[in-house]
Structure formats: structure tokens, C-alpha cells
């Protein structure tokens, strides 16, 4: 796909038709699904969150659970949890939105999506829909597809709003449990670890240093042996404990560089690094760039956006309010 070309909303006929580089560049991709049934999709971890409207009968293998989908359902997938889909009919149909956490949190530093009951380990990733809910969800997905193909300058913000509508509609629903196999000890320990990790964020002040930084420290806090914690996390998520810690620290570092005026030394200390050089080396290892270079690029992107209308030029609302 040529950089800058308009996205296509044509149905995806094969999972191989989706260009992963496009998702990495923009942080978001929506498409209509119309895939011929074949071998089940590989049981593996993805690099993005997923909200899908599944309108075909299938079985989803999600972490340690097997979930049957016999009626139209919403599916919420976490990049940390491997899953696969086995289609029971001739085709897999529906809609799908793939996005990164950075895309959803572009304008704020709210809690991680991993804390949502829909995405967290041990949560309920499949929700069966009533006919009315199916109509509503289809309408939202169609609006997302239309907006994705539009030239509207702030379509990213609008798409985030539509995704939030889907998420909140799902949160209002009574979860429908259709699990063949329930959570085991590994999934419970992994859920506790990820929840404990998320409690450390967001970092609010430069003087607030992370109290837990290593797998051993997390294991001590959870009251389990570090080898047990590492095995459980790797079994459920496909990634080692240290990878989860590093990814979350990098995510917070980017947010602090983007949304605060803290010096790199202050950010380094708040994230548990003894010296700024350690933080610089860590950041470059995981992102390919330095903290200062990342901050300059973020500032350049912000400066390139249209200027907001000053408050004193805003159109007054009726009654003299502005």
C-alpha cells in the first residue's frame, strides 16, 4: 500500500490481505470480514487490540478457554492473550477493528485498556447480542468504516468515540458465560500480576518512583516464587514477565515525554531508573530512538496540527456562556 493512499473498506477475503504495516503506521484499521472457512487461524499473540462483531458460528480458543459462538457476538481481544478461531460454517463474516493502545490514549493518560473487564486476563471476551444490539453494533462499525475512508481532519478522534461507544455498550450488557474450560491457577496469577502492574500507573509526580521494577519484586508482592510467576505469565500470554514490565514502562515513558514538561532525568527517576543514562539506553533499546528525539518528534507533530481557536475568539453560546 502506498503511504498516504486512501484506506479501502472492501471486505477482507483473507487474513493475509490485511497489511500489518498500515496498522503500525496509523495505529488503527477497520474492515468488513468475509473469509472462506479453512484451517483455524494460528493460536498466537497479536500486537494489537481487537473489537469484532462476529456473525458466523465458530469456536474461539482464548488463553485457557474454549468459547462457542452460536449467535452474533462482540469479541474483545487483548494483544497479550493468544487466541485462535475455528469456523464451523462455510465463511467467517462480520466486522473487525484493530488498534493499538497508543491510538486509544492519544489525547489522554487514562488507565490501560488491560484494566477493562472486556480486555483483562480472566475477563469475558465474548458477549452475545440481541437482534437490537446486533443492529446497533453494525451501525457503529459502518460509521467507523465510513469515517476511516473520509478526509475529515479529526476522524481519529471520531473513530475513538465510536470505539468507546462499542466498549460502553458491551460493559452495560450482562456477560454471557459459555466457557468449556474455566480459568486455571496460571490465568489467575497472570491476572493478578497484570493488575498489580497497572496499579503503578499513571505516574503523577516526578518524585513518585516505581516501587516495583523486577519480576522478583512482583513475585514477592504476590506471594509466589518468581519461577512460578514467570511460568504462569509465559503460559497465558506467550511473553515473559520482564517483557510486560518493559512494555508498560515504555508506554508510560512515551506518555510522560509527550504530555508533561518533566526533564528526562525526572522521568527516569519516576520510572525507577537510578541514572538518566540507564533510562536513555533502555528507551532506545525498546524504541530505536532516544527520549529527547521522541519528545521532539511528538512536539513537531503537535505543531503541525491546526491551531485551536483562542478562547476570546470562540463563538458565544446562548445566554452569554462560552
C-alpha atoms as a PDB file:
ATOM      1  CA  UNK A   1       0.000   0.000   0.000  1.00  0.00           C
ATOM      2  CA  UNK A   2       1.373   3.388  -0.929  1.00  0.00           C
ATOM      3  CA  UNK A   3       1.930   5.668   2.030  1.00  0.00           C
ATOM      4  CA  UNK A   4      -0.833   8.227   2.231  1.00  0.00           C
ATOM      5  CA  UNK A   5      -3.239   6.327  -0.008  1.00  0.00           C
ATOM      6  CA  UNK A   6      -6.885   6.310   0.992  1.00  0.00           C
ATOM      7  CA  UNK A   7      -7.814   3.212   3.007  1.00  0.00           C
ATOM      8  CA  UNK A   8     -10.106   0.649   1.464  1.00  0.00           C
ATOM      9  CA  UNK A   9     -13.206  -0.633   3.205  1.00  0.00           C
ATOM     10  CA  UNK A  10     -13.640  -3.633   0.914  1.00  0.00           C
ATOM     11  CA  UNK A  11     -14.368  -6.885   2.784  1.00  0.00           C
ATOM     12  CA  UNK A  12     -11.252  -8.798   3.805  1.00  0.00           C
ATOM     13  CA  UNK A  13     -11.318 -12.107   1.931  1.00  0.00           C
ATOM     14  CA  UNK A  14      -8.268 -13.475   3.730  1.00  0.00           C
ATOM     15  CA  UNK A  15      -6.433 -12.542   6.918  1.00  0.00           C
ATOM     16  CA  UNK A  16      -3.354 -12.211   4.737  1.00  0.00           C
ATOM     17  CA  UNK A  17      -4.993  -9.292   2.902  1.00  0.00           C
ATOM     18  CA  UNK A  18      -4.515  -7.074   5.957  1.00  0.00           C
ATOM     19  CA  UNK A  19      -1.321  -5.038   5.744  1.00  0.00           C
ATOM     20  CA  UNK A  20       0.214  -5.051   9.262  1.00  0.00           C
ATOM     21  CA  UNK A  21       2.498  -2.165   8.339  1.00  0.00           C
ATOM     22  CA  UNK A  22      -0.552   0.060   7.780  1.00  0.00           C
ATOM     23  CA  UNK A  23      -1.727  -0.661  11.320  1.00  0.00           C
ATOM     24  CA  UNK A  24       1.714   0.163  12.707  1.00  0.00           C
ATOM     25  CA  UNK A  25       1.795   3.458  10.817  1.00  0.00           C
ATOM     26  CA  UNK A  26      -1.671   4.657  11.786  1.00  0.00           C
ATOM     27  CA  UNK A  27      -2.437   2.659  14.935  1.00  0.00           C
ATOM     28  CA  UNK A  28      -5.877   1.658  13.614  1.00  0.00           C
ATOM     29  CA  UNK A  29      -7.532  -0.420  10.910  1.00  0.00           C
ATOM     30  CA  UNK A  30     -11.202  -1.342  10.387  1.00  0.00           C
ATOM     31  CA  UNK A  31     -12.582  -3.739   7.823  1.00  0.00           C
ATOM     32  CA  UNK A  32     -15.553  -5.910   6.984  1.00  0.00           C
ATOM     33  CA  UNK A  33     -14.829  -9.638   7.348  1.00  0.00           C
ATOM     34  CA  UNK A  34     -15.843 -12.153   4.691  1.00  0.00           C
ATOM     35  CA  UNK A  35     -13.410 -15.052   4.852  1.00  0.00           C
ATOM     36  CA  UNK A  36     -13.773 -18.547   3.427  1.00  0.00           C
ATOM     37  CA  UNK A  37     -13.591 -21.255   6.087  1.00  0.00           C
ATOM     38  CA  UNK A  38     -10.318 -23.144   6.205  1.00  0.00           C
ATOM     39  CA  UNK A  39      -7.748 -24.239   8.765  1.00  0.00           C
ATOM     40  CA  UNK A  40      -8.219 -22.482  12.096  1.00  0.00           C
ATOM     41  CA  UNK A  41      -6.235 -19.291  12.447  1.00  0.00           C
ATOM     42  CA  UNK A  42      -2.965 -19.835  14.278  1.00  0.00           C
ATOM     43  CA  UNK A  43      -3.075 -19.759  18.081  1.00  0.00           C
ATOM     44  CA  UNK A  44      -0.737 -16.849  18.679  1.00  0.00           C
ATOM     45  CA  UNK A  45      -0.385 -13.464  20.286  1.00  0.00           C
ATOM     46  CA  UNK A  46      -1.207 -10.410  18.166  1.00  0.00           C
ATOM     47  CA  UNK A  47       0.319  -6.948  18.500  1.00  0.00           C
ATOM     48  CA  UNK A  48      -2.934  -5.023  18.751  1.00  0.00           C
ATOM     49  CA  UNK A  49      -6.294  -4.846  20.499  1.00  0.00           C
ATOM     50  CA  UNK A  50      -9.319  -6.075  18.587  1.00  0.00           C
ATOM     51  CA  UNK A  51     -13.046  -5.395  18.741  1.00  0.00           C
ATOM     52  CA  UNK A  52     -15.012  -7.587  16.362  1.00  0.00           C
ATOM     53  CA  UNK A  53     -18.643  -8.274  15.513  1.00  0.00           C
ATOM     54  CA  UNK A  54     -18.743 -12.000  14.709  1.00  0.00           C
ATOM     55  CA  UNK A  55     -21.838 -13.084  12.785  1.00  0.00           C
ATOM     56  CA  UNK A  56     -20.795 -16.687  11.988  1.00  0.00           C
ATOM     57  CA  UNK A  57     -20.764 -19.799  14.141  1.00  0.00           C
ATOM     58  CA  UNK A  58     -17.256 -20.562  15.373  1.00  0.00           C
ATOM     59  CA  UNK A  59     -15.129 -21.612  18.331  1.00  0.00           C
ATOM     60  CA  UNK A  60     -12.636 -19.183  19.839  1.00  0.00           C
ATOM     61  CA  UNK A  61      -9.687 -20.638  21.746  1.00  0.00           C
ATOM     62  CA  UNK A  62      -8.781 -17.762  24.073  1.00  0.00           C
ATOM     63  CA  UNK A  63      -5.942 -18.326  26.550  1.00  0.00           C
ATOM     64  CA  UNK A  64      -7.010 -21.391  28.553  1.00  0.00           C
ATOM     65  CA  UNK A  65     -10.660 -21.247  27.480  1.00  0.00           C
ATOM     66  CA  UNK A  66     -12.737 -22.567  24.607  1.00  0.00           C
ATOM     67  CA  UNK A  67     -15.703 -20.315  23.773  1.00  0.00           C
ATOM     68  CA  UNK A  68     -18.521 -21.307  21.425  1.00  0.00           C
ATOM     69  CA  UNK A  69     -20.125 -18.536  19.336  1.00  0.00           C
ATOM     70  CA  UNK A  70     -23.516 -19.662  18.025  1.00  0.00           C
ATOM     71  CA  UNK A  71     -25.233 -16.266  17.699  1.00  0.00           C
ATOM     72  CA  UNK A  72     -23.899 -12.832  16.662  1.00  0.00           C
ATOM     73  CA  UNK A  73     -21.446 -11.667  19.309  1.00  0.00           C
ATOM     74  CA  UNK A  74     -18.957  -8.952  20.144  1.00  0.00           C
ATOM     75  CA  UNK A  75     -15.395 -10.155  20.694  1.00  0.00           C
ATOM     76  CA  UNK A  76     -12.702  -8.224  22.578  1.00  0.00           C
ATOM     77  CA  UNK A  77      -9.106  -9.405  22.150  1.00  0.00           C
ATOM     78  CA  UNK A  78      -6.067  -8.348  24.154  1.00  0.00           C
ATOM     79  CA  UNK A  79      -2.625  -8.265  22.456  1.00  0.00           C
ATOM     80  CA  UNK A  80      -1.191 -10.077  25.478  1.00  0.00           C
ATOM     81  CA  UNK A  81      -3.520 -13.092  25.148  1.00  0.00           C
ATOM     82  CA  UNK A  82      -3.047 -15.630  22.308  1.00  0.00           C
ATOM     83  CA  UNK A  83      -6.199 -16.850  20.589  1.00  0.00           C
ATOM     84  CA  UNK A  84      -7.408 -18.717  17.513  1.00  0.00           C
ATOM     85  CA  UNK A  85     -10.711 -19.010  15.632  1.00  0.00           C
ATOM     86  CA  UNK A  86     -12.220 -22.189  14.149  1.00  0.00           C
ATOM     87  CA  UNK A  87     -15.127 -21.511  11.751  1.00  0.00           C
ATOM     88  CA  UNK A  88     -18.000 -24.043  11.739  1.00  0.00           C
ATOM     89  CA  UNK A  89     -19.695 -22.934   8.527  1.00  0.00           C
ATOM     90  CA  UNK A  90     -18.558 -22.001   5.024  1.00  0.00           C
ATOM     91  CA  UNK A  91     -17.453 -18.455   5.839  1.00  0.00           C
ATOM     92  CA  UNK A  92     -16.441 -16.209   8.694  1.00  0.00           C
ATOM     93  CA  UNK A  93     -18.373 -12.936   8.473  1.00  0.00           C
ATOM     94  CA  UNK A  94     -18.689  -9.744  10.454  1.00  0.00           C
ATOM     95  CA  UNK A  95     -16.653  -6.617  11.158  1.00  0.00           C
ATOM     96  CA  UNK A  96     -13.359  -6.019  12.886  1.00  0.00           C
ATOM     97  CA  UNK A  97     -11.387  -3.079  14.297  1.00  0.00           C
ATOM     98  CA  UNK A  98      -7.710  -3.419  15.163  1.00  0.00           C
ATOM     99  CA  UNK A  99      -5.966  -0.712  17.146  1.00  0.00           C
ATOM    100  CA  UNK A 100      -3.033  -0.034  19.424  1.00  0.00           C
ATOM    101  CA  UNK A 101      -3.342   1.249  22.974  1.00  0.00           C
ATOM    102  CA  UNK A 102      -1.436   4.355  21.875  1.00  0.00           C
ATOM    103  CA  UNK A 103      -4.203   5.099  19.342  1.00  0.00           C
ATOM    104  CA  UNK A 104      -6.924   4.926  22.006  1.00  0.00           C
ATOM    105  CA  UNK A 105      -4.926   7.006  24.516  1.00  0.00           C
ATOM    106  CA  UNK A 106      -3.566   9.584  22.093  1.00  0.00           C
ATOM    107  CA  UNK A 107      -5.138  12.538  23.887  1.00  0.00           C
ATOM    108  CA  UNK A 108      -5.138  11.348  27.490  1.00  0.00           C
ATOM    109  CA  UNK A 109      -3.396   9.151  30.004  1.00  0.00           C
ATOM    110  CA  UNK A 110      -6.351   7.244  31.372  1.00  0.00           C
ATOM    111  CA  UNK A 111      -5.986   3.736  32.740  1.00  0.00           C
ATOM    112  CA  UNK A 112      -4.814   0.988  30.424  1.00  0.00           C
ATOM    113  CA  UNK A 113      -7.271  -0.987  28.328  1.00  0.00           C
ATOM    114  CA  UNK A 114      -5.846  -4.056  30.066  1.00  0.00           C
ATOM    115  CA  UNK A 115      -7.820  -2.992  33.157  1.00  0.00           C
ATOM    116  CA  UNK A 116     -11.140  -3.106  31.305  1.00  0.00           C
ATOM    117  CA  UNK A 117     -13.275  -6.151  32.203  1.00  0.00           C
ATOM    118  CA  UNK A 118     -13.563  -6.757  28.464  1.00  0.00           C
ATOM    119  CA  UNK A 119      -9.829  -6.980  27.786  1.00  0.00           C
ATOM    120  CA  UNK A 120      -8.217  -8.046  31.067  1.00  0.00           C
ATOM    121  CA  UNK A 121      -6.880 -11.554  31.635  1.00  0.00           C
ATOM    122  CA  UNK A 122      -9.673 -13.649  33.123  1.00  0.00           C
ATOM    123  CA  UNK A 123     -12.351 -11.280  31.832  1.00  0.00           C
ATOM    124  CA  UNK A 124     -15.233 -12.046  29.477  1.00  0.00           C
ATOM    125  CA  UNK A 125     -14.033 -11.526  25.896  1.00  0.00           C
ATOM    126  CA  UNK A 126     -17.229 -12.719  24.151  1.00  0.00           C
ATOM    127  CA  UNK A 127     -20.654 -11.125  24.557  1.00  0.00           C
ATOM    128  CA  UNK A 128     -23.737 -12.494  22.811  1.00  0.00           C
ATOM    129  CA  UNK A 129     -26.031  -9.859  21.283  1.00  0.00           C
ATOM    130  CA  UNK A 130     -29.762  -9.489  20.934  1.00  0.00           C
ATOM    131  CA  UNK A 131     -31.150  -8.625  17.469  1.00  0.00           C
ATOM    132  CA  UNK A 132     -31.437  -4.972  18.530  1.00  0.00           C
ATOM    133  CA  UNK A 133     -27.859  -4.939  19.781  1.00  0.00           C
ATOM    134  CA  UNK A 134     -26.651  -6.501  16.526  1.00  0.00           C
ATOM    135  CA  UNK A 135     -28.317  -3.715  14.555  1.00  0.00           C
ATOM    136  CA  UNK A 136     -26.747  -1.099  16.825  1.00  0.00           C
ATOM    137  CA  UNK A 137     -23.255  -2.641  16.602  1.00  0.00           C
ATOM    138  CA  UNK A 138     -23.446  -2.965  12.816  1.00  0.00           C
ATOM    139  CA  UNK A 139     -24.391   0.702  12.600  1.00  0.00           C
ATOM    140  CA  UNK A 140     -21.361   1.713  14.672  1.00  0.00           C
ATOM    141  CA  UNK A 141     -18.992  -0.412  12.575  1.00  0.00           C
ATOM    142  CA  UNK A 142     -20.433   1.067   9.373  1.00  0.00           C
ATOM    143  CA  UNK A 143     -19.837   4.573  10.738  1.00  0.00           C
ATOM    144  CA  UNK A 144     -16.250   3.635  11.623  1.00  0.00           C
ATOM    145  CA  UNK A 145     -15.663   2.320   8.086  1.00  0.00           C
ATOM    146  CA  UNK A 146     -17.151   5.457   6.549  1.00  0.00           C
ATOM    147  CA  UNK A 147     -15.050   7.703   8.764  1.00  0.00           C
ATOM    148  CA  UNK A 148     -11.897   5.724   8.053  1.00  0.00           C
ATOM    149  CA  UNK A 149     -12.331   6.432   4.336  1.00  0.00           C
ATOM    150  CA  UNK A 150     -13.211  10.095   4.829  1.00  0.00           C
ATOM    151  CA  UNK A 151     -10.954  13.142   4.602  1.00  0.00           C
ATOM    152  CA  UNK A 152     -12.198  14.611   7.885  1.00  0.00           C
ATOM    153  CA  UNK A 153      -9.235  16.150   9.701  1.00  0.00           C
ATOM    154  CA  UNK A 154     -10.248  14.834  13.125  1.00  0.00           C
ATOM    155  CA  UNK A 155     -11.503  11.413  12.059  1.00  0.00           C
ATOM    156  CA  UNK A 156      -9.145   9.724  14.531  1.00  0.00           C
ATOM    157  CA  UNK A 157     -10.961  11.396  17.424  1.00  0.00           C
ATOM    158  CA  UNK A 158     -14.337  10.439  15.971  1.00  0.00           C
ATOM    159  CA  UNK A 159     -13.278   6.811  15.468  1.00  0.00           C
ATOM    160  CA  UNK A 160     -12.082   6.677  19.078  1.00  0.00           C
ATOM    161  CA  UNK A 161     -15.508   7.917  20.142  1.00  0.00           C
ATOM    162  CA  UNK A 162     -17.245   5.195  18.114  1.00  0.00           C
ATOM    163  CA  UNK A 163     -14.973   2.536  19.645  1.00  0.00           C
ATOM    164  CA  UNK A 164     -15.785   3.857  23.117  1.00  0.00           C
ATOM    165  CA  UNK A 165     -19.493   3.559  22.290  1.00  0.00           C
ATOM    166  CA  UNK A 166     -18.985  -0.135  21.427  1.00  0.00           C
ATOM    167  CA  UNK A 167     -16.984  -0.708  24.596  1.00  0.00           C
ATOM    168  CA  UNK A 168     -19.533   1.032  26.826  1.00  0.00           C
ATOM    169  CA  UNK A 169     -22.436  -0.795  25.189  1.00  0.00           C
ATOM    170  CA  UNK A 170     -20.662  -4.066  25.983  1.00  0.00           C
ATOM    171  CA  UNK A 171     -19.964  -3.000  29.580  1.00  0.00           C
ATOM    172  CA  UNK A 172     -23.692  -2.401  30.052  1.00  0.00           C
ATOM    173  CA  UNK A 173     -24.506  -5.948  28.987  1.00  0.00           C
ATOM    174  CA  UNK A 174     -24.767  -8.925  31.294  1.00  0.00           C
ATOM    175  CA  UNK A 175     -21.786 -11.160  30.441  1.00  0.00           C
ATOM    176  CA  UNK A 176     -22.780 -14.452  28.829  1.00  0.00           C
ATOM    177  CA  UNK A 177     -20.517 -17.236  30.059  1.00  0.00           C
ATOM    178  CA  UNK A 178     -20.205 -20.105  27.561  1.00  0.00           C
ATOM    179  CA  UNK A 179     -16.832 -21.448  28.606  1.00  0.00           C
ATOM    180  CA  UNK A 180     -15.992 -25.098  28.096  1.00  0.00           C
ATOM    181  CA  UNK A 181     -12.923 -24.757  30.322  1.00  0.00           C
ATOM    182  CA  UNK A 182     -12.637 -22.273  33.161  1.00  0.00           C
ATOM    183  CA  UNK A 183      -9.704 -20.246  34.482  1.00  0.00           C
ATOM    184  CA  UNK A 184      -6.791 -22.173  35.966  1.00  0.00           C
ATOM    185  CA  UNK A 185      -4.194 -21.111  38.523  1.00  0.00           C
ATOM    186  CA  UNK A 186      -1.890 -19.709  35.820  1.00  0.00           C
ATOM    187  CA  UNK A 187      -4.534 -17.353  34.444  1.00  0.00           C
ATOM    188  CA  UNK A 188      -5.429 -16.151  37.948  1.00  0.00           C
ATOM    189  CA  UNK A 189      -1.793 -15.413  38.810  1.00  0.00           C
ATOM    190  CA  UNK A 190      -1.296 -13.678  35.460  1.00  0.00           C
ATOM    191  CA  UNK A 191      -4.386 -11.536  36.037  1.00  0.00           C
ATOM    192  CA  UNK A 192      -3.107 -10.545  39.476  1.00  0.00           C
ATOM    193  CA  UNK A 193       0.301  -9.667  38.054  1.00  0.00           C
ATOM    194  CA  UNK A 194      -1.125  -7.508  35.247  1.00  0.00           C
ATOM    195  CA  UNK A 195      -3.490  -5.780  37.659  1.00  0.00           C
ATOM    196  CA  UNK A 196      -0.628  -5.065  40.072  1.00  0.00           C
ATOM    197  CA  UNK A 197       1.463  -3.744  37.186  1.00  0.00           C
ATOM    198  CA  UNK A 198      -1.317  -1.386  36.078  1.00  0.00           C
ATOM    199  CA  UNK A 199      -1.793  -0.038  39.600  1.00  0.00           C
ATOM    200  CA  UNK A 200       1.642   1.575  39.317  1.00  0.00           C
ATOM    201  CA  UNK A 201       0.381   3.913  36.590  1.00  0.00           C
ATOM    202  CA  UNK A 202      -0.117   6.636  35.640  1.00  0.00           C
ATOM    203  CA  UNK A 203       2.848   8.310  37.340  1.00  0.00           C
ATOM    204  CA  UNK A 204       1.514  11.598  38.712  1.00  0.00           C
ATOM    205  CA  UNK A 205       4.620  13.408  40.031  1.00  0.00           C
ATOM    206  CA  UNK A 206       8.373  13.342  39.272  1.00  0.00           C
ATOM    207  CA  UNK A 207       9.041  12.355  42.889  1.00  0.00           C
ATOM    208  CA  UNK A 208       6.840   9.253  42.614  1.00  0.00           C
ATOM    209  CA  UNK A 209       9.276   6.405  41.915  1.00  0.00           C
ATOM    210  CA  UNK A 210       8.014   2.973  40.848  1.00  0.00           C
ATOM    211  CA  UNK A 211       8.111   0.701  43.928  1.00  0.00           C
ATOM    212  CA  UNK A 212       8.215  -2.495  41.839  1.00  0.00           C
ATOM    213  CA  UNK A 213      10.567  -2.897  38.894  1.00  0.00           C
ATOM    214  CA  UNK A 214      11.624  -6.541  38.552  1.00  0.00           C
ATOM    215  CA  UNK A 215       9.874  -9.890  38.208  1.00  0.00           C
ATOM    216  CA  UNK A 216      11.282 -10.867  41.608  1.00  0.00           C
ATOM    217  CA  UNK A 217       9.759  -7.798  43.264  1.00  0.00           C
ATOM    218  CA  UNK A 218       6.359  -8.506  41.679  1.00  0.00           C
ATOM    219  CA  UNK A 219       6.566 -12.150  42.778  1.00  0.00           C
ATOM    220  CA  UNK A 220       7.385 -11.104  46.337  1.00  0.00           C
ATOM    221  CA  UNK A 221       4.394  -8.751  46.379  1.00  0.00           C
ATOM    222  CA  UNK A 222       2.098 -11.519  45.076  1.00  0.00           C
ATOM    223  CA  UNK A 223       3.483 -14.095  47.497  1.00  0.00           C
ATOM    224  CA  UNK A 224       4.631 -16.574  44.835  1.00  0.00           C
ATOM    225  CA  UNK A 225       8.009 -17.844  43.684  1.00  0.00           C
ATOM    226  CA  UNK A 226       9.411 -15.846  40.784  1.00  0.00           C
ATOM    227  CA  UNK A 227       9.785 -19.000  38.655  1.00  0.00           C
ATOM    228  CA  UNK A 228       6.110 -19.797  39.231  1.00  0.00           C
ATOM    229  CA  UNK A 229       5.121 -16.274  38.210  1.00  0.00           C
ATOM    230  CA  UNK A 230       7.291 -16.381  35.093  1.00  0.00           C
ATOM    231  CA  UNK A 231       5.909 -19.761  34.009  1.00  0.00           C
ATOM    232  CA  UNK A 232       2.298 -18.666  34.540  1.00  0.00           C
ATOM    233  CA  UNK A 233       2.658 -15.374  32.664  1.00  0.00           C
ATOM    234  CA  UNK A 234       4.501 -17.020  29.767  1.00  0.00           C
ATOM    235  CA  UNK A 235       1.911 -19.826  29.583  1.00  0.00           C
ATOM    236  CA  UNK A 236      -1.094 -17.478  29.448  1.00  0.00           C
ATOM    237  CA  UNK A 237       0.268 -14.545  27.438  1.00  0.00           C
ATOM    238  CA  UNK A 238       3.112 -16.013  25.419  1.00  0.00           C
ATOM    239  CA  UNK A 239       5.506 -13.367  26.751  1.00  0.00           C
ATOM    240  CA  UNK A 240       7.833 -13.326  29.757  1.00  0.00           C
ATOM    241  CA  UNK A 241       7.107 -11.222  32.823  1.00  0.00           C
ATOM    242  CA  UNK A 242      10.006  -8.875  32.056  1.00  0.00           C
ATOM    243  CA  UNK A 243       8.547  -8.106  28.608  1.00  0.00           C
ATOM    244  CA  UNK A 244       5.245  -6.973  30.140  1.00  0.00           C
ATOM    245  CA  UNK A 245       7.056  -4.759  32.630  1.00  0.00           C
ATOM    246  CA  UNK A 246       9.269  -3.237  29.935  1.00  0.00           C
ATOM    247  CA  UNK A 247       6.352  -2.576  27.553  1.00  0.00           C
ATOM    248  CA  UNK A 248       4.320  -0.846  30.262  1.00  0.00           C
ATOM    249  CA  UNK A 249       7.287   1.277  31.364  1.00  0.00           C
ATOM    250  CA  UNK A 250       7.928   2.296  27.743  1.00  0.00           C
ATOM    251  CA  UNK A 251       4.241   3.176  27.294  1.00  0.00           C
ATOM    252  CA  UNK A 252       4.313   5.395  30.380  1.00  0.00           C
ATOM    253  CA  UNK A 253       7.639   6.937  29.355  1.00  0.00           C
ATOM    254  CA  UNK A 254       6.154   7.938  25.995  1.00  0.00           C
ATOM    255  CA  UNK A 255       3.108   9.441  27.712  1.00  0.00           C
ATOM    256  CA  UNK A 256       5.289  11.452  30.109  1.00  0.00           C
ATOM    257  CA  UNK A 257       7.538  12.670  27.297  1.00  0.00           C
ATOM    258  CA  UNK A 258       4.509  13.665  25.248  1.00  0.00           C
ATOM    259  CA  UNK A 259       2.186  15.127  27.870  1.00  0.00           C
ATOM    260  CA  UNK A 260       4.496  16.632  30.521  1.00  0.00           C
ATOM    261  CA  UNK A 261       7.399  19.070  30.642  1.00  0.00           C
ATOM    262  CA  UNK A 262       9.382  16.872  33.023  1.00  0.00           C
ATOM    263  CA  UNK A 263      13.059  16.518  32.254  1.00  0.00           C
ATOM    264  CA  UNK A 264      14.346  13.126  31.134  1.00  0.00           C
ATOM    265  CA  UNK A 265      16.130  12.849  34.478  1.00  0.00           C
ATOM    266  CA  UNK A 266      12.826  13.339  36.336  1.00  0.00           C
ATOM    267  CA  UNK A 267      11.071  10.806  34.098  1.00  0.00           C
ATOM    268  CA  UNK A 268      13.934   8.348  34.587  1.00  0.00           C
ATOM    269  CA  UNK A 269      13.668   8.613  38.369  1.00  0.00           C
ATOM    270  CA  UNK A 270       9.866   8.308  38.401  1.00  0.00           C
ATOM    271  CA  UNK A 271      10.118   5.092  36.365  1.00  0.00           C
ATOM    272  CA  UNK A 272      12.622   3.537  38.706  1.00  0.00           C
ATOM    273  CA  UNK A 273      15.919   4.204  36.905  1.00  0.00           C
ATOM    274  CA  UNK A 274      18.842   5.136  39.136  1.00  0.00           C
ATOM    275  CA  UNK A 275      20.585   7.194  36.440  1.00  0.00           C
ATOM    276  CA  UNK A 276      19.236   9.007  33.336  1.00  0.00           C
ATOM    277  CA  UNK A 277      21.762   7.133  31.158  1.00  0.00           C
ATOM    278  CA  UNK A 278      20.162   3.829  32.175  1.00  0.00           C
ATOM    279  CA  UNK A 279      16.769   5.195  31.125  1.00  0.00           C
ATOM    280  CA  UNK A 280      18.150   6.526  27.811  1.00  0.00           C
ATOM    281  CA  UNK A 281      19.703   3.154  26.971  1.00  0.00           C
ATOM    282  CA  UNK A 282      16.525   1.291  27.966  1.00  0.00           C
ATOM    283  CA  UNK A 283      14.290   3.583  25.920  1.00  0.00           C
ATOM    284  CA  UNK A 284      16.496   3.387  22.826  1.00  0.00           C
ATOM    285  CA  UNK A 285      16.738  -0.409  23.082  1.00  0.00           C
ATOM    286  CA  UNK A 286      12.955  -0.761  23.012  1.00  0.00           C
ATOM    287  CA  UNK A 287      12.002   2.068  20.629  1.00  0.00           C
ATOM    288  CA  UNK A 288      15.037   2.620  18.423  1.00  0.00           C
ATOM    289  CA  UNK A 289      15.220   6.297  19.374  1.00  0.00           C
ATOM    290  CA  UNK A 290      16.240   8.404  22.356  1.00  0.00           C
ATOM    291  CA  UNK A 291      13.782  10.034  24.779  1.00  0.00           C
ATOM    292  CA  UNK A 292      14.719  13.530  23.587  1.00  0.00           C
ATOM    293  CA  UNK A 293      14.319  12.573  19.927  1.00  0.00           C
ATOM    294  CA  UNK A 294      10.914  11.042  20.693  1.00  0.00           C
ATOM    295  CA  UNK A 295       9.829  14.224  22.510  1.00  0.00           C
ATOM    296  CA  UNK A 296      10.996  16.470  19.652  1.00  0.00           C
ATOM    297  CA  UNK A 297       9.087  14.372  17.119  1.00  0.00           C
ATOM    298  CA  UNK A 298       5.948  14.467  19.274  1.00  0.00           C
ATOM    299  CA  UNK A 299       6.231  18.252  19.554  1.00  0.00           C
ATOM    300  CA  UNK A 300       6.755  18.534  15.800  1.00  0.00           C
ATOM    301  CA  UNK A 301       3.569  16.559  15.131  1.00  0.00           C
ATOM    302  CA  UNK A 302       1.585  18.737  17.551  1.00  0.00           C
ATOM    303  CA  UNK A 303       2.921  21.938  15.988  1.00  0.00           C
ATOM    304  CA  UNK A 304       1.935  20.691  12.530  1.00  0.00           C
ATOM    305  CA  UNK A 305      -1.713  20.359  13.593  1.00  0.00           C
ATOM    306  CA  UNK A 306      -4.138  23.266  13.007  1.00  0.00           C
ATOM    307  CA  UNK A 307      -4.120  25.804  15.823  1.00  0.00           C
ATOM    308  CA  UNK A 308      -7.105  25.794  18.154  1.00  0.00           C
ATOM    309  CA  UNK A 309      -9.411  28.811  18.156  1.00  0.00           C
ATOM    310  CA  UNK A 310      -8.421  31.122  21.054  1.00  0.00           C
ATOM    311  CA  UNK A 311     -10.992  31.330  23.832  1.00  0.00           C
ATOM    312  CA  UNK A 312     -11.584  35.029  23.200  1.00  0.00           C
ATOM    313  CA  UNK A 313     -12.490  34.278  19.569  1.00  0.00           C
ATOM    314  CA  UNK A 314     -14.856  31.413  20.331  1.00  0.00           C
ATOM    315  CA  UNK A 315     -18.471  31.895  19.350  1.00  0.00           C
ATOM    316  CA  UNK A 316     -20.544  32.684  22.477  1.00  0.00           C
ATOM    317  CA  UNK A 317     -23.312  30.259  23.377  1.00  0.00           C
ATOM    318  CA  UNK A 318     -26.844  31.470  24.086  1.00  0.00           C
ATOM    319  CA  UNK A 319     -27.148  33.145  27.474  1.00  0.00           C
ATOM    320  CA  UNK A 320     -23.687  34.682  27.343  1.00  0.00           C
ATOM    321  CA  UNK A 321     -21.856  31.396  28.136  1.00  0.00           C
ATOM    322  CA  UNK A 322     -18.764  30.428  26.166  1.00  0.00           C
END
